[in-house]
PDB file of N, CA and C in Angstrom:
ATOM      1  N   MET A   1       0.737  -1.456  -0.088  1.00  0.00           N
ATOM      2  CA  MET A   1       0.156  -0.075  -0.129  1.00  0.00           C
ATOM      3  C   MET A   1       0.863   1.192   0.192  1.00  0.00           C
ATOM      4  N   ARG A   2       0.637   2.045  -1.241  1.00  0.00           N
ATOM      5  CA  ARG A   2       1.142   3.367  -1.048  1.00  0.00           C
ATOM      6  C   ARG A   2       0.289   4.771  -0.341  1.00  0.00           C
ATOM      7  N   PHE A   3       1.483   5.717   0.472  1.00  0.00           N
ATOM      8  CA  PHE A   3       0.941   6.812   0.740  1.00  0.00           C
ATOM      9  C   PHE A   3       1.502   8.054   0.050  1.00  0.00           C
ATOM     10  N   ILE A   4       0.601   8.682   0.347  1.00  0.00           N
ATOM     11  CA  ILE A   4       1.000  10.249   0.159  1.00  0.00           C
ATOM     12  C   ILE A   4       0.626  11.678   0.724  1.00  0.00           C
ATOM     13  N   ARG A   5       1.618  11.782   1.300  1.00  0.00           N
ATOM     14  CA  ARG A   5       1.500  13.013   2.887  1.00  0.00           C
ATOM     15  C   ARG A   5       1.492  14.188   1.345  1.00  0.00           C
ATOM     16  N   ARG A   6       0.340  15.361   2.094  1.00  0.00           N
ATOM     17  CA  ARG A   6       0.070  16.047   1.598  1.00  0.00           C
ATOM     18  C   ARG A   6       1.177  17.430   2.069  1.00  0.00           C
ATOM     19  N   SER A   7       1.369  18.434   0.753  1.00  0.00           N
ATOM     20  CA  SER A   7       2.379  19.763   2.102  1.00  0.00           C
ATOM     21  C   SER A   7       1.170  20.247   3.054  1.00  0.00           C
ATOM     22  N   ARG A   8       2.244  21.369   3.730  1.00  0.00           N
ATOM     23  CA  ARG A   8       1.441  21.661   4.433  1.00  0.00           C
ATOM     24  C   ARG A   8       0.767  22.997   3.917  1.00  0.00           C
ATOM     25  N   ARG A   9       0.299  23.657   2.660  1.00  0.00           N
ATOM     26  CA  ARG A   9       0.031  24.512   2.263  1.00  0.00           C
ATOM     27  C   ARG A   9      -1.216  24.806   1.938  1.00  0.00           C
ATOM     28  N   LEU A  10      -1.661  26.326   2.755  1.00  0.00           N
ATOM     29  CA  LEU A  10      -2.935  27.113   3.229  1.00  0.00           C
ATOM     30  C   LEU A  10      -3.952  26.594   3.686  1.00  0.00           C
ATOM     31  N   GLY A  11      -4.082  25.820   4.875  1.00  0.00           N
ATOM     32  CA  GLY A  11      -4.789  24.602   6.116  1.00  0.00           C
ATOM     33  C   GLY A  11      -4.705  23.379   5.234  1.00  0.00           C
ATOM     34  N   GLN A  12      -4.069  23.055   4.053  1.00  0.00           N
ATOM     35  CA  GLN A  12      -3.787  21.909   4.355  1.00  0.00           C
ATOM     36  C   GLN A  12      -3.654  19.799   5.320  1.00  0.00           C
ATOM     37  N   SER A  13      -3.982  19.342   5.216  1.00  0.00           N
ATOM     38  CA  SER A  13      -3.839  18.465   5.324  1.00  0.00           C
ATOM     39  C   SER A  13      -3.235  17.623   5.476  1.00  0.00           C
ATOM     40  N   THR A  14      -2.375  16.929   7.373  1.00  0.00           N
ATOM     41  CA  THR A  14      -0.585  16.080   6.594  1.00  0.00           C
ATOM     42  C   THR A  14      -1.503  14.850   6.359  1.00  0.00           C
ATOM     43  N   ALA A  15      -2.874  14.784   6.942  1.00  0.00           N
ATOM     44  CA  ALA A  15      -2.970  12.972   7.302  1.00  0.00           C
ATOM     45  C   ALA A  15      -2.704  12.127   5.525  1.00  0.00           C
ATOM     46  N   PRO A  16      -2.357  10.788   5.406  1.00  0.00           N
ATOM     47  CA  PRO A  16      -1.709  10.227   4.740  1.00  0.00           C
ATOM     48  C   PRO A  16      -3.460  10.055   4.103  1.00  0.00           C
ATOM     49  N   ILE A  17      -3.065  10.460   2.543  1.00  0.00           N
ATOM     50  CA  ILE A  17      -4.401   9.226   1.467  1.00  0.00           C
ATOM     51  C   ILE A  17      -3.906   8.556   0.990  1.00  0.00           C
ATOM     52  N   SER A  18      -4.946   7.259   1.237  1.00  0.00           N
ATOM     53  CA  SER A  18      -4.515   5.787   0.538  1.00  0.00           C
ATOM     54  C   SER A  18      -4.891   5.764  -0.466  1.00  0.00           C
ATOM     55  N   THR A  19      -3.665   5.257  -2.071  1.00  0.00           N
ATOM     56  CA  THR A  19      -3.689   5.537  -2.701  1.00  0.00           C
ATOM     57  C   THR A  19      -4.893   4.151  -3.392  1.00  0.00           C
ATOM     58  N   GLN A  20      -5.697   3.656  -2.575  1.00  0.00           N
ATOM     59  CA  GLN A  20      -5.896   2.311  -3.211  1.00  0.00           C
ATOM     60  C   GLN A  20      -7.525   2.967  -2.744  1.00  0.00           C
ATOM     61  N   SER A  21      -8.880   2.925  -2.676  1.00  0.00           N
ATOM     62  CA  SER A  21     -10.450   3.243  -2.343  1.00  0.00           C
ATOM     63  C   SER A  21     -10.536   2.096  -1.119  1.00  0.00           C
ATOM     64  N   ASP A  22     -10.700   2.527   0.063  1.00  0.00           N
ATOM     65  CA  ASP A  22     -10.977   1.856   1.230  1.00  0.00           C
ATOM     66  C   ASP A  22     -11.905   0.540   0.867  1.00  0.00           C
ATOM     67  N   ALA A  23     -13.040   0.699  -0.320  1.00  0.00           N
ATOM     68  CA  ALA A  23     -14.079  -0.899  -0.530  1.00  0.00           C
ATOM     69  C   ALA A  23     -13.400  -1.764  -1.470  1.00  0.00           C
ATOM     70  N   CYS A  24     -12.163  -1.238  -1.905  1.00  0.00           N
ATOM     71  CA  CYS A  24     -11.465  -2.324  -2.386  1.00  0.00           C
ATOM     72  C   CYS A  24     -10.284  -2.827  -1.202  1.00  0.00           C
ATOM     73  N   GLN A  25      -9.900  -2.379   0.077  1.00  0.00           N
ATOM     74  CA  GLN A  25      -9.112  -2.843   0.906  1.00  0.00           C
ATOM     75  C   GLN A  25     -10.110  -3.206   1.768  1.00  0.00           C
ATOM     76  N   SER A  26     -11.254  -3.207   2.267  1.00  0.00           N
ATOM     77  CA  SER A  26     -12.465  -4.124   2.827  1.00  0.00           C
ATOM     78  C   SER A  26     -13.031  -5.299   2.392  1.00  0.00           C
ATOM     79  N   ASN A  27     -12.791  -5.361   1.543  1.00  0.00           N
ATOM     80  CA  ASN A  27     -13.707  -6.521   0.485  1.00  0.00           C
ATOM     81  C   ASN A  27     -12.791  -7.566   0.274  1.00  0.00           C
ATOM     82  N   ASP A  28     -11.334  -7.122   0.334  1.00  0.00           N
ATOM     83  CA  ASP A  28     -10.323  -8.233   0.326  1.00  0.00           C
ATOM     84  C   ASP A  28     -10.448  -9.123   1.453  1.00  0.00           C
ATOM     85  N   LEU A  29     -11.446 -10.576   0.681  1.00  0.00           N
ATOM     86  CA  LEU A  29     -11.421 -11.855   1.853  1.00  0.00           C
ATOM     87  C   LEU A  29      -9.989 -11.922   2.470  1.00  0.00           C
ATOM     88  N   ARG A  30      -8.667 -12.476   1.737  1.00  0.00           N
ATOM     89  CA  ARG A  30      -7.672 -13.329   2.337  1.00  0.00           C
ATOM     90  C   ARG A  30      -7.404 -11.998   3.180  1.00  0.00           C
ATOM     91  N   ALA A  31      -7.614 -10.151   2.858  1.00  0.00           N
ATOM     92  CA  ALA A  31      -6.986  -9.836   4.144  1.00  0.00           C
ATOM     93  C   ALA A  31      -7.729  -9.409   5.197  1.00  0.00           C
ATOM     94  N   GLN A  32      -9.221 -10.313   5.289  1.00  0.00           N
ATOM     95  CA  GLN A  32      -9.919  -9.386   6.452  1.00  0.00           C
ATOM     96  C   GLN A  32      -9.891 -11.288   6.636  1.00  0.00           C
ATOM     97  N   LEU A  33      -9.498 -12.271   6.475  1.00  0.00           N
ATOM     98  CA  LEU A  33      -8.952 -13.453   6.968  1.00  0.00           C
ATOM     99  C   LEU A  33      -7.917 -12.858   7.717  1.00  0.00           C
ATOM    100  N   ARG A  34      -6.887 -12.484   7.375  1.00  0.00           N
ATOM    101  CA  ARG A  34      -5.639 -12.181   8.161  1.00  0.00           C
ATOM    102  C   ARG A  34      -5.408 -11.639   9.119  1.00  0.00           C
ATOM    103  N   ARG A  35      -6.360 -10.561   9.179  1.00  0.00           N
ATOM    104  CA  ARG A  35      -7.045  -9.615  10.103  1.00  0.00           C
ATOM    105  C   ARG A  35      -7.599 -10.192  11.439  1.00  0.00           C
ATOM    106  N   ARG A  36      -8.221 -11.006  10.901  1.00  0.00           N
ATOM    107  CA  ARG A  36      -8.903 -11.997  12.045  1.00  0.00           C
ATOM    108  C   ARG A  36      -8.046 -12.720  12.404  1.00  0.00           C
ATOM    109  N   ARG A  37      -7.214 -13.381  12.036  1.00  0.00           N
ATOM    110  CA  ARG A  37      -6.596 -14.830  12.767  1.00  0.00           C
ATOM    111  C   ARG A  37      -5.122 -13.974  13.131  1.00  0.00           C
ATOM    112  N   ILE A  38      -4.575 -12.453  13.006  1.00  0.00           N
ATOM    113  CA  ILE A  38      -3.731 -11.939  14.328  1.00  0.00           C
ATOM    114  C   ILE A  38      -4.428 -11.369  14.922  1.00  0.00           C
ATOM    115  N   ALA A  39      -5.908 -10.873  14.736  1.00  0.00           N
ATOM    116  CA  ALA A  39      -6.954 -10.032  15.695  1.00  0.00           C
ATOM    117  C   ALA A  39      -6.708 -11.546  16.988  1.00  0.00           C
ATOM    118  N   SER A  40      -6.983 -12.493  16.650  1.00  0.00           N
ATOM    119  CA  SER A  40      -6.584 -14.154  17.387  1.00  0.00           C
ATOM    120  C   SER A  40      -5.790 -14.084  18.743  1.00  0.00           C
ATOM    121  N   GLN A  41      -4.725 -14.030  17.778  1.00  0.00           N
ATOM    122  CA  GLN A  41      -3.715 -15.114  18.453  1.00  0.00           C
ATOM    123  C   GLN A  41      -3.459 -13.577  19.614  1.00  0.00           C
ATOM    124  N   ARG A  42      -3.620 -12.980  19.662  1.00  0.00           N
ATOM    125  CA  ARG A  42      -4.236 -11.556  20.971  1.00  0.00           C
ATOM    126  C   ARG A  42      -5.154 -11.936  22.117  1.00  0.00           C
ATOM    127  N   LEU A  43      -6.098 -12.829  21.801  1.00  0.00           N
ATOM    128  CA  LEU A  43      -6.299 -12.978  22.688  1.00  0.00           C
ATOM    129  C   LEU A  43      -5.989 -14.233  23.550  1.00  0.00           C
ATOM    130  N   VAL A  44      -6.212 -14.132  25.286  1.00  0.00           N
ATOM    131  CA  VAL A  44      -5.993 -15.145  25.580  1.00  0.00           C
ATOM    132  C   VAL A  44      -6.715 -16.149  26.120  1.00  0.00           C
ATOM    133  N   PRO A  45      -6.589 -17.310  25.508  1.00  0.00           N
ATOM    134  CA  PRO A  45      -7.024 -19.095  25.352  1.00  0.00           C
ATOM    135  C   PRO A  45      -8.185 -18.166  25.648  1.00  0.00           C
ATOM    136  N   LEU A  46      -9.210 -19.957  25.973  1.00  0.00           N
ATOM    137  CA  LEU A  46     -10.374 -19.560  26.981  1.00  0.00           C
ATOM    138  C   LEU A  46     -10.162 -20.630  28.044  1.00  0.00           C
ATOM    139  N   ASP A  47     -11.396 -20.520  28.554  1.00  0.00           N
ATOM    140  CA  ASP A  47     -10.980 -21.989  29.511  1.00  0.00           C
ATOM    141  C   ASP A  47     -11.029 -23.280  29.004  1.00  0.00           C
ATOM    142  N   CYS A  48     -12.357 -23.120  27.863  1.00  0.00           N
ATOM    143  CA  CYS A  48     -11.618 -25.023  27.568  1.00  0.00           C
ATOM    144  C   CYS A  48     -10.392 -25.625  26.749  1.00  0.00           C
ATOM    145  N   GLY A  49      -9.505 -23.803  26.567  1.00  0.00           N
ATOM    146  CA  GLY A  49      -8.700 -24.482  26.255  1.00  0.00           C
ATOM    147  C   GLY A  49      -9.123 -24.290  24.104  1.00  0.00           C
ATOM    148  N   CYS A  50      -9.755 -23.513  24.236  1.00  0.00           N
ATOM    149  CA  CYS A  50      -9.511 -23.250  22.913  1.00  0.00           C
ATOM    150  C   CYS A  50      -9.601 -21.831  22.340  1.00  0.00           C
ATOM    151  N   PRO A  51      -8.031 -21.257  21.174  1.00  0.00           N
ATOM    152  CA  PRO A  51      -7.487 -19.807  21.590  1.00  0.00           C
ATOM    153  C   PRO A  51      -8.286 -18.881  20.961  1.00  0.00           C
ATOM    154  N   ASP A  52      -8.877 -19.480  20.620  1.00  0.00           N
ATOM    155  CA  ASP A  52     -10.153 -18.364  19.745  1.00  0.00           C
ATOM    156  C   ASP A  52     -11.555 -18.866  19.851  1.00  0.00           C
ATOM    157  N   PRO A  53     -12.887 -18.168  20.173  1.00  0.00           N
ATOM    158  CA  PRO A  53     -13.404 -18.311  21.011  1.00  0.00           C
ATOM    159  C   PRO A  53     -15.027 -18.104  19.577  1.00  0.00           C
ATOM    160  N   TRP A  54     -14.008 -18.185  18.302  1.00  0.00           N
ATOM    161  CA  TRP A  54     -15.198 -18.198  16.834  1.00  0.00           C
ATOM    162  C   TRP A  54     -16.294 -19.316  16.579  1.00  0.00           C
ATOM    163  N   PRO A  55     -15.178 -20.159  16.045  1.00  0.00           N
ATOM    164  CA  PRO A  55     -14.859 -21.284  16.208  1.00  0.00           C
ATOM    165  C   PRO A  55     -14.849 -22.336  17.172  1.00  0.00           C
ATOM    166  N   CYS A  56     -15.108 -21.732  18.285  1.00  0.00           N
ATOM    167  CA  CYS A  56     -15.101 -22.847  20.159  1.00  0.00           C
ATOM    168  C   CYS A  56     -16.778 -23.770  19.752  1.00  0.00           C
ATOM    169  N   ARG A  57     -16.659 -24.958  19.733  1.00  0.00           N
ATOM    170  CA  ARG A  57     -17.950 -25.287  20.286  1.00  0.00           C
ATOM    171  C   ARG A  57     -18.135 -26.487  21.765  1.00  0.00           C
ATOM    172  N   CYS A  58     -17.148 -25.641  21.652  1.00  0.00           N
ATOM    173  CA  CYS A  58     -17.300 -26.783  23.581  1.00  0.00           C
ATOM    174  C   CYS A  58     -17.667 -27.067  24.131  1.00  0.00           C
ATOM    175  N   THR A  59     -18.651 -24.955  24.490  1.00  0.00           N
ATOM    176  CA  THR A  59     -19.719 -24.868  25.175  1.00  0.00           C
ATOM    177  C   THR A  59     -21.543 -25.420  24.595  1.00  0.00           C
ATOM    178  N   GLN A  60     -21.212 -25.693  23.876  1.00  0.00           N
ATOM    179  CA  GLN A  60     -22.466 -26.320  23.305  1.00  0.00           C
ATOM    180  C   GLN A  60     -23.127 -27.323  24.076  1.00  0.00           C
ATOM    181  N   PRO A  61     -24.676 -27.293  23.662  1.00  0.00           N
ATOM    182  CA  PRO A  61     -24.947 -28.904  25.347  1.00  0.00           C
ATOM    183  C   PRO A  61     -24.752 -29.536  24.006  1.00  0.00           C
ATOM    184  N   ALA A  62     -25.038 -30.860  24.108  1.00  0.00           N
ATOM    185  CA  ALA A  62     -25.047 -31.870  23.439  1.00  0.00           C
ATOM    186  C   ALA A  62     -25.937 -32.357  23.558  1.00  0.00           C
ATOM    187  N   LEU A  63     -27.037 -32.741  22.124  1.00  0.00           N
ATOM    188  CA  LEU A  63     -28.015 -33.119  21.670  1.00  0.00           C
ATOM    189  C   LEU A  63     -28.162 -34.164  22.596  1.00  0.00           C
ATOM    190  N   SER A  64     -29.936 -33.355  22.446  1.00  0.00           N
ATOM    191  CA  SER A  64     -30.438 -34.459  23.177  1.00  0.00           C
ATOM    192  C   SER A  64     -31.554 -35.309  22.367  1.00  0.00           C
ATOM    193  N   ALA A  65     -32.659 -35.562  22.761  1.00  0.00           N
ATOM    194  CA  ALA A  65     -33.300 -36.609  21.897  1.00  0.00           C
ATOM    195  C   ALA A  65     -34.539 -35.725  21.596  1.00  0.00           C
ATOM    196  N   ARG A  66     -34.798 -34.721  22.325  1.00  0.00           N
ATOM    197  CA  ARG A  66     -35.699 -33.561  21.734  1.00  0.00           C
ATOM    198  C   ARG A  66     -35.768 -32.771  20.992  1.00  0.00           C
ATOM    199  N   MET A  67     -34.263 -32.694  21.042  1.00  0.00           N
ATOM    200  CA  MET A  67     -33.446 -31.487  20.078  1.00  0.00           C
ATOM    201  C   MET A  67     -33.520 -31.815  18.792  1.00  0.00           C
ATOM    202  N   VAL A  68     -33.882 -33.674  18.624  1.00  0.00           N
ATOM    203  CA  VAL A  68     -33.285 -34.150  17.509  1.00  0.00           C
ATOM    204  C   VAL A  68     -34.619 -34.679  17.030  1.00  0.00           C
ATOM    205  N   ASP A  69     -35.927 -34.625  17.898  1.00  0.00           N
ATOM    206  CA  ASP A  69     -37.298 -34.367  17.080  1.00  0.00           C
ATOM    207  C   ASP A  69     -37.423 -33.429  16.770  1.00  0.00           C
ATOM    208  N   ALA A  70     -37.662 -32.287  17.740  1.00  0.00           N
ATOM    209  CA  ALA A  70     -38.104 -30.920  17.017  1.00  0.00           C
ATOM    210  C   ALA A  70     -37.269 -30.358  15.726  1.00  0.00           C
ATOM    211  N   GLY A  71     -36.148 -30.779  15.060  1.00  0.00           N
ATOM    212  CA  GLY A  71     -35.327 -31.041  13.627  1.00  0.00           C
ATOM    213  C   GLY A  71     -35.897 -31.678  12.632  1.00  0.00           C
ATOM    214  N   ARG A  72     -36.309 -32.806  13.587  1.00  0.00           N
ATOM    215  CA  ARG A  72     -37.063 -33.810  12.914  1.00  0.00           C
ATOM    216  C   ARG A  72     -38.156 -33.209  11.890  1.00  0.00           C
ATOM    217  N   ASP A  73     -39.284 -33.273  13.308  1.00  0.00           N
ATOM    218  CA  ASP A  73     -40.816 -32.405  12.879  1.00  0.00           C
ATOM    219  C   ASP A  73     -41.182 -31.098  12.096  1.00  0.00           C
ATOM    220  N   ALA A  74     -39.429 -30.254  12.178  1.00  0.00           N
ATOM    221  CA  ALA A  74     -38.883 -28.819  11.557  1.00  0.00           C
ATOM    222  C   ALA A  74     -39.167 -29.332   9.822  1.00  0.00           C
ATOM    223  N   ALA A  75     -38.599 -30.504   9.538  1.00  0.00           N
ATOM    224  CA  ALA A  75     -38.169 -30.368   8.258  1.00  0.00           C
ATOM    225  C   ALA A  75     -39.141 -30.708   7.414  1.00  0.00           C
ATOM    226  N   ARG A  76     -40.005 -31.897   8.636  1.00  0.00           N
ATOM    227  CA  ARG A  76     -41.479 -32.636   7.381  1.00  0.00           C
ATOM    228  C   ARG A  76     -42.166 -31.510   8.309  1.00  0.00           C
ATOM    229  N   ASP A  77     -42.334 -30.292   8.603  1.00  0.00           N
ATOM    230  CA  ASP A  77     -43.711 -29.320   8.212  1.00  0.00           C
ATOM    231  C   ASP A  77     -42.860 -28.063   7.305  1.00  0.00           C
ATOM    232  N   ILE A  78     -41.038 -28.639   6.860  1.00  0.00           N
ATOM    233  CA  ILE A  78     -41.006 -27.181   5.705  1.00  0.00           C
ATOM    234  C   ILE A  78     -41.494 -28.480   4.272  1.00  0.00           C
ATOM    235  N   LEU A  79     -41.123 -29.509   5.411  1.00  0.00           N
ATOM    236  CA  LEU A  79     -41.111 -29.889   3.057  1.00  0.00           C
ATOM    237  C   LEU A  79     -42.519 -30.370   2.834  1.00  0.00           C
ATOM    238  N   ALA A  80     -43.596 -30.060   4.247  1.00  0.00           N
ATOM    239  CA  ALA A  80     -44.847 -29.985   3.325  1.00  0.00           C
ATOM    240  C   ALA A  80     -45.634 -28.694   2.527  1.00  0.00           C
ATOM    241  N   THR A  81     -44.764 -27.409   2.263  1.00  0.00           N
ATOM    242  CA  THR A  81     -44.939 -26.606   2.044  1.00  0.00           C
ATOM    243  C   THR A  81     -44.456 -27.121   0.830  1.00  0.00           C
ATOM    244  N   GLY A  82     -43.548 -28.307   0.661  1.00  0.00           N
ATOM    245  CA  GLY A  82     -42.482 -27.333  -0.664  1.00  0.00           C
ATOM    246  C   GLY A  82     -41.498 -27.105  -0.805  1.00  0.00           C
ATOM    247  N   GLN A  83     -40.249 -26.825   0.260  1.00  0.00           N
ATOM    248  CA  GLN A  83     -40.043 -26.008   0.522  1.00  0.00           C
ATOM    249  C   GLN A  83     -39.223 -27.229   1.125  1.00  0.00           C
ATOM    250  N   VAL A  84     -37.402 -27.251   1.132  1.00  0.00           N
ATOM    251  CA  VAL A  84     -36.712 -28.242   1.105  1.00  0.00           C
ATOM    252  C   VAL A  84     -35.535 -27.480   2.299  1.00  0.00           C
ATOM    253  N   PRO A  85     -35.750 -27.819   3.600  1.00  0.00           N
ATOM    254  CA  PRO A  85     -34.780 -27.576   5.239  1.00  0.00           C
ATOM    255  C   PRO A  85     -33.521 -27.796   4.330  1.00  0.00           C
ATOM    256  N   LEU A  86     -32.457 -27.008   5.289  1.00  0.00           N
ATOM    257  CA  LEU A  86     -31.361 -27.549   5.763  1.00  0.00           C
ATOM    258  C   LEU A  86     -31.313 -27.616   7.068  1.00  0.00           C
ATOM    259  N   LEU A  87     -30.708 -29.009   7.863  1.00  0.00           N
ATOM    260  CA  LEU A  87     -30.585 -28.860   9.128  1.00  0.00           C
ATOM    261  C   LEU A  87     -29.120 -29.532   9.451  1.00  0.00           C
ATOM    262  N   GLU A  88     -28.704 -28.871  10.222  1.00  0.00           N
ATOM    263  CA  GLU A  88     -27.747 -29.783  11.315  1.00  0.00           C
ATOM    264  C   GLU A  88     -27.339 -30.547  10.821  1.00  0.00           C
ATOM    265  N   PHE A  89     -25.441 -31.087  10.474  1.00  0.00           N
ATOM    266  CA  PHE A  89     -25.056 -31.238  10.032  1.00  0.00           C
ATOM    267  C   PHE A  89     -25.699 -33.202  11.725  1.00  0.00           C
ATOM    268  N   GLU A  90     -24.945 -32.566  12.903  1.00  0.00           N
ATOM    269  CA  GLU A  90     -25.296 -33.309  13.698  1.00  0.00           C
ATOM    270  C   GLU A  90     -26.676 -33.538  14.270  1.00  0.00           C
ATOM    271  N   ILE A  91     -28.018 -32.975  14.019  1.00  0.00           N
ATOM    272  CA  ILE A  91     -29.602 -33.498  13.889  1.00  0.00           C
ATOM    273  C   ILE A  91     -29.425 -34.584  12.927  1.00  0.00           C
ATOM    274  N   LEU A  92     -28.627 -34.219  11.219  1.00  0.00           N
ATOM    275  CA  LEU A  92     -28.698 -35.004   9.845  1.00  0.00           C
ATOM    276  C   LEU A  92     -28.443 -36.236  10.437  1.00  0.00           C
ATOM    277  N   ARG A  93     -27.326 -36.654  11.537  1.00  0.00           N
ATOM    278  CA  ARG A  93     -26.516 -38.032  11.370  1.00  0.00           C
ATOM    279  C   ARG A  93     -27.186 -38.326  12.783  1.00  0.00           C
ATOM    280  N   ALA A  94     -28.102 -37.347  14.123  1.00  0.00           N
ATOM    281  CA  ALA A  94     -28.713 -38.527  15.211  1.00  0.00           C
ATOM    282  C   ALA A  94     -29.713 -39.090  14.587  1.00  0.00           C
ATOM    283  N   LEU A  95     -30.250 -38.087  13.749  1.00  0.00           N
ATOM    284  CA  LEU A  95     -31.773 -38.808  12.725  1.00  0.00           C
ATOM    285  C   LEU A  95     -30.936 -40.256  11.911  1.00  0.00           C
ATOM    286  N   TRP A  96     -29.820 -40.750  11.412  1.00  0.00           N
ATOM    287  CA  TRP A  96     -29.848 -41.529  10.172  1.00  0.00           C
ATOM    288  C   TRP A  96     -29.077 -42.676  11.334  1.00  0.00           C
ATOM    289  N   ARG A  97     -29.161 -41.747  12.282  1.00  0.00           N
ATOM    290  CA  ARG A  97     -28.465 -43.048  13.871  1.00  0.00           C
ATOM    291  C   ARG A  97     -29.558 -43.660  13.924  1.00  0.00           C
ATOM    292  N   ARG A  98     -30.915 -43.104  14.025  1.00  0.00           N
ATOM    293  CA  ARG A  98     -31.966 -44.230  15.063  1.00  0.00           C
ATOM    294  C   ARG A  98     -32.774 -45.108  13.340  1.00  0.00           C
ATOM    295  N   GLY A  99     -32.340 -44.908  12.464  1.00  0.00           N
ATOM    296  CA  GLY A  99     -32.900 -46.068  12.037  1.00  0.00           C
ATOM    297  C   GLY A  99     -34.190 -45.703  11.620  1.00  0.00           C
ATOM    298  N   GLY A 100     -34.823 -47.181  11.169  1.00  0.00           N
ATOM    299  CA  GLY A 100     -36.332 -46.379  10.437  1.00  0.00           C
ATOM    300  C   GLY A 100     -36.658 -45.041   9.701  1.00  0.00           C
ATOM    301  N   ALA A 101     -37.957 -44.559  10.027  1.00  0.00           N
ATOM    302  CA  ALA A 101     -38.491 -43.321   8.650  1.00  0.00           C
ATOM    303  C   ALA A 101     -37.495 -42.099   9.526  1.00  0.00           C
ATOM    304  N   ASP A 102     -37.155 -42.586   9.988  1.00  0.00           N
ATOM    305  CA  ASP A 102     -35.696 -41.482  10.590  1.00  0.00           C
ATOM    306  C   ASP A 102     -34.360 -41.236   8.830  1.00  0.00           C
ATOM    307  N   ARG A 103     -33.942 -42.495   9.468  1.00  0.00           N
ATOM    308  CA  ARG A 103     -33.057 -42.760   8.653  1.00  0.00           C
ATOM    309  C   ARG A 103     -33.125 -42.022   7.505  1.00  0.00           C
ATOM    310  N   VAL A 104     -34.932 -43.061   6.586  1.00  0.00           N
ATOM    311  CA  VAL A 104     -35.200 -42.280   5.532  1.00  0.00           C
ATOM    312  C   VAL A 104     -34.698 -41.217   5.314  1.00  0.00           C
ATOM    313  N   LEU A 105     -35.723 -40.349   6.128  1.00  0.00           N
ATOM    314  CA  LEU A 105     -35.932 -38.518   5.841  1.00  0.00           C
ATOM    315  C   LEU A 105     -34.549 -38.129   5.714  1.00  0.00           C
ATOM    316  N   ALA A 106     -33.478 -38.527   6.673  1.00  0.00           N
ATOM    317  CA  ALA A 106     -31.703 -38.468   6.239  1.00  0.00           C
ATOM    318  C   ALA A 106     -31.861 -38.506   5.203  1.00  0.00           C
ATOM    319  N   GLU A 107     -31.847 -39.296   4.815  1.00  0.00           N
ATOM    320  CA  GLU A 107     -31.476 -39.848   3.797  1.00  0.00           C
ATOM    321  C   GLU A 107     -31.891 -38.670   2.487  1.00  0.00           C
ATOM    322  N   GLN A 108     -33.493 -37.955   2.607  1.00  0.00           N
ATOM    323  CA  GLN A 108     -34.335 -37.694   1.680  1.00  0.00           C
ATOM    324  C   GLN A 108     -34.243 -36.609   1.393  1.00  0.00           C
ATOM    325  N   LEU A 109     -33.522 -35.793   2.948  1.00  0.00           N
ATOM    326  CA  LEU A 109     -33.066 -34.638   3.138  1.00  0.00           C
ATOM    327  C   LEU A 109     -31.380 -33.932   2.567  1.00  0.00           C
ATOM    328  N   HIS A 110     -30.636 -35.296   2.966  1.00  0.00           N
ATOM    329  CA  HIS A 110     -29.477 -34.977   2.348  1.00  0.00           C
ATOM    330  C   HIS A 110     -28.952 -35.345   0.639  1.00  0.00           C
ATOM    331  N   ALA A 111     -29.992 -36.247   0.210  1.00  0.00           N
ATOM    332  CA  ALA A 111     -30.327 -36.158  -1.166  1.00  0.00           C
ATOM    333  C   ALA A 111     -31.096 -34.891  -2.209  1.00  0.00           C
ATOM    334  N   ALA A 112     -32.218 -34.204  -1.466  1.00  0.00           N
ATOM    335  CA  ALA A 112     -32.192 -33.099  -1.401  1.00  0.00           C
ATOM    336  C   ALA A 112     -31.394 -31.795  -1.876  1.00  0.00           C
ATOM    337  N   THR A 113     -30.628 -31.932  -1.011  1.00  0.00           N
ATOM    338  CA  THR A 113     -29.990 -30.316  -1.084  1.00  0.00           C
ATOM    339  C   THR A 113     -28.521 -30.722  -1.871  1.00  0.00           C
ATOM    340  N   GLY A 114     -28.297 -31.776  -2.605  1.00  0.00           N
ATOM    341  CA  GLY A 114     -27.151 -32.164  -3.166  1.00  0.00           C
ATOM    342  C   GLY A 114     -26.208 -32.811  -1.622  1.00  0.00           C
ATOM    343  N   GLY A 115     -26.025 -32.732  -0.916  1.00  0.00           N
ATOM    344  CA  GLY A 115     -25.279 -32.974   0.319  1.00  0.00           C
ATOM    345  C   GLY A 115     -24.741 -32.112   0.746  1.00  0.00           C
ATOM    346  N   GLU A 116     -25.373 -31.204   0.931  1.00  0.00           N
ATOM    347  CA  GLU A 116     -25.123 -29.208   0.849  1.00  0.00           C
ATOM    348  C   GLU A 116     -25.915 -29.362   2.748  1.00  0.00           C
ATOM    349  N   ILE A 117     -25.124 -29.176   3.673  1.00  0.00           N
ATOM    350  CA  ILE A 117     -24.992 -29.366   5.182  1.00  0.00           C
ATOM    351  C   ILE A 117     -25.010 -28.007   6.201  1.00  0.00           C
ATOM    352  N   ARG A 118     -25.478 -27.131   6.758  1.00  0.00           N
ATOM    353  CA  ARG A 118     -25.259 -26.134   7.701  1.00  0.00           C
ATOM    354  C   ARG A 118     -24.342 -26.589   8.375  1.00  0.00           C
TER     355      ARG A 118
END
C-alpha cells in the first residue's frame, strides 16, 4: 500500500491519503481473514483451551432426543410446504443413526440438498 503526504500549504491536511479505495481494501477476503487470525492470536485462551472463541464449540450443549425430534418435525413441516430444509449436520447424523423412518428422512434431506449441510 502506498501513501502520499500532502504538503502543508494553506491549511491543507498532512494526513496520509491512500492510493487505493477503502472499499477495495475492506472487500479483500484474504486480508480480512488475515486480520481476523492476527486478532485471535492476541486473545487469551478460553477455559476450554480453545485459542479463538469464534470456532469454539466446546460450550454448546450436547444434542438431546428432544432437539433431534424438533429438527425432524421442523423438517417434515418445511417439506410439506414444498421447500427443502437445511438441517445441521449433527441433527442429520442423529436422525440417520436412529434408523427406520428417521433414517429415510435423513437420506431424503441429504439427497434433496445435494449433500449441503449447515
